[in-house]
Amino acid sequence: MKRQTLSPCDFDWQQLRQLAGEDSDFENELLAIFLNDVNSSLASLESAIATKSVQTIEEVAHSLRGASANVGAKALAAVALQLEQAARRGEMTGAHSLLRQLHTHCRRIQAQFQARCS
């Protein structure tokens, strides 16, 4: 079996596996819940960015960062951290770009998850 190397857009499947106690069904359940929560967070971020609600952006990005780091979505966590820090400084000029990056990473994780389940 070919060993996959992780790039910044990849997901750390080993971390998720450990979190799930090596239970593949629980892994899939955790990831499905995570992805659902991510989509909700992204919608909240879109709204907060549109209304320039810096505090909401910081809070949602912080929550997204933590959840992403916990399950192994390291690239998603890194971008969420950038957005959280920008909001904390009140620098929102790059917020739309960071939001697009979050969407991209989320789509990649969803595609990898679907490929694993097929």
Protein backbone atom coordinates (compact mmCIF):
# COMPACT_ATOMS: atom_id res chain seq x y z
CA MET A 1 0.00 0.00 0.00
CA LYS A 2 1.35 3.41 -0.98
CA ARG A 3 1.94 5.72 1.98
CA GLN A 4 0.27 9.08 1.59
CA THR A 5 2.24 12.15 2.56
CA LEU A 6 0.34 15.01 4.06
CA SER A 7 0.30 18.34 2.31
CA PRO A 8 -1.18 21.46 3.90
CA CYS A 9 -4.56 20.66 2.35
CA ASP A 10 -4.65 17.10 3.63
CA PHE A 11 -6.25 15.72 6.70
CA ASP A 12 -4.33 13.89 9.43
CA TRP A 13 -6.29 10.64 9.33
CA GLN A 14 -4.09 9.07 12.01
CA GLN A 15 -5.06 11.78 14.49
CA LEU A 16 -8.75 11.19 13.77
CA ARG A 17 -8.23 7.43 14.07
CA GLN A 18 -6.63 7.88 17.49
CA LEU A 19 -9.40 10.24 18.59
CA ALA A 20 -11.97 7.61 17.58
CA GLY A 21 -10.14 4.84 19.42
CA GLU A 22 -9.36 2.99 16.19
CA ASP A 23 -13.12 2.55 15.51
CA SER A 24 -13.69 3.29 11.81
CA ASP A 25 -17.46 3.72 12.19
CA PHE A 26 -16.92 6.23 14.99
CA GLU A 27 -14.25 7.95 12.85
CA ASN A 28 -16.78 8.44 10.08
CA GLU A 29 -19.41 9.67 12.53
CA LEU A 30 -17.00 12.17 14.10
CA LEU A 31 -15.90 13.48 10.72
CA ALA A 32 -19.48 13.81 9.47
CA ILE A 33 -20.40 15.82 12.59
CA PHE A 34 -17.25 17.92 12.20
CA LEU A 35 -17.97 18.70 8.54
CA ASN A 36 -21.55 19.66 9.37
CA ASP A 37 -20.29 21.99 12.10
CA VAL A 38 -17.65 23.45 9.76
CA ASN A 39 -20.30 24.30 7.17
CA SER A 40 -22.33 26.05 9.86
CA SER A 41 -19.23 27.95 11.03
CA LEU A 42 -18.42 29.02 7.48
CA ALA A 43 -21.94 30.36 7.03
CA SER A 44 -21.59 32.29 10.30
CA LEU A 45 -18.24 33.68 9.17
CA GLU A 46 -19.69 34.79 5.83
CA SER A 47 -22.42 36.70 7.64
CA ALA A 48 -20.02 38.19 10.20
CA ILE A 49 -17.58 39.30 7.51
CA ALA A 50 -20.40 40.88 5.51
CA THR A 51 -21.50 42.88 8.55
CA LYS A 52 -17.92 43.50 9.75
CA SER A 53 -18.69 41.92 13.12
CA VAL A 54 -15.08 41.55 14.25
CA GLN A 55 -15.93 39.96 17.60
CA THR A 56 -18.12 37.30 15.98
CA ILE A 57 -15.43 36.59 13.39
CA GLU A 58 -12.84 36.14 16.12
CA GLU A 59 -15.10 33.86 18.19
CA VAL A 60 -16.23 31.66 15.31
CA ALA A 61 -12.71 31.42 13.87
CA HIS A 62 -11.39 30.47 17.33
CA SER A 63 -13.99 27.72 17.70
CA LEU A 64 -13.33 26.47 14.16
CA ARG A 65 -9.59 26.43 14.82
CA GLY A 66 -9.99 24.32 17.94
CA ALA A 67 -12.39 21.83 16.40
CA SER A 68 -10.21 21.50 13.31
CA ALA A 69 -7.06 20.92 15.32
CA ASN A 70 -8.79 18.28 17.46
CA VAL A 71 -9.81 16.09 14.53
CA GLY A 72 -6.64 16.56 12.45
CA ALA A 73 -7.71 19.23 9.97
CA LYS A 74 -4.43 21.06 10.41
CA ALA A 75 -4.56 23.27 7.32
CA LEU A 76 -8.10 24.35 8.15
CA ALA A 77 -6.98 25.11 11.72
CA ALA A 78 -4.03 27.17 10.46
CA VAL A 79 -6.22 29.36 8.22
CA ALA A 80 -8.81 29.75 10.99
CA LEU A 81 -6.00 30.93 13.28
CA GLN A 82 -4.97 33.54 10.71
CA LEU A 83 -8.55 34.80 10.51
CA GLU A 84 -8.90 34.80 14.30
CA GLN A 85 -5.70 36.80 14.72
CA ALA A 86 -6.66 39.27 11.98
CA ALA A 87 -10.03 39.84 13.63
CA ARG A 88 -8.36 40.34 17.01
CA ARG A 89 -6.20 43.07 15.42
CA GLY A 90 -9.20 44.54 13.61
CA GLU A 91 -7.55 43.91 10.22
CA MET A 92 -10.31 42.62 7.99
CA THR A 93 -8.90 43.46 4.55
CA GLY A 94 -7.90 39.82 3.94
CA ALA A 95 -10.95 38.23 5.55
CA HIS A 96 -12.65 37.29 2.27
CA SER A 97 -9.48 35.63 1.01
CA LEU A 98 -9.11 33.64 4.23
CA LEU A 99 -12.77 32.63 4.06
CA ARG A 100 -12.22 31.33 0.50
CA GLN A 101 -9.24 29.32 1.76
CA LEU A 102 -11.37 27.83 4.53
CA HIS A 103 -14.01 26.82 1.97
CA THR A 104 -11.33 25.25 -0.23
CA HIS A 105 -9.85 23.22 2.62
CA CYS A 106 -13.32 22.12 3.70
CA ARG A 107 -14.17 20.93 0.18
CA ARG A 108 -10.90 18.97 0.03
CA ILE A 109 -11.59 17.27 3.34
CA GLN A 110 -15.13 16.43 2.20
CA ALA A 111 -13.78 14.95 -1.03
CA GLN A 112 -11.20 12.87 0.85
CA PHE A 113 -13.90 11.71 3.28
CA GLN A 114 -16.22 10.70 0.43
CA ALA A 115 -13.38 8.84 -1.29
CA ARG A 116 -12.67 6.94 1.94
CA CYS A 117 -16.32 5.97 2.29
CA SER A 118 -16.70 4.69 -1.28
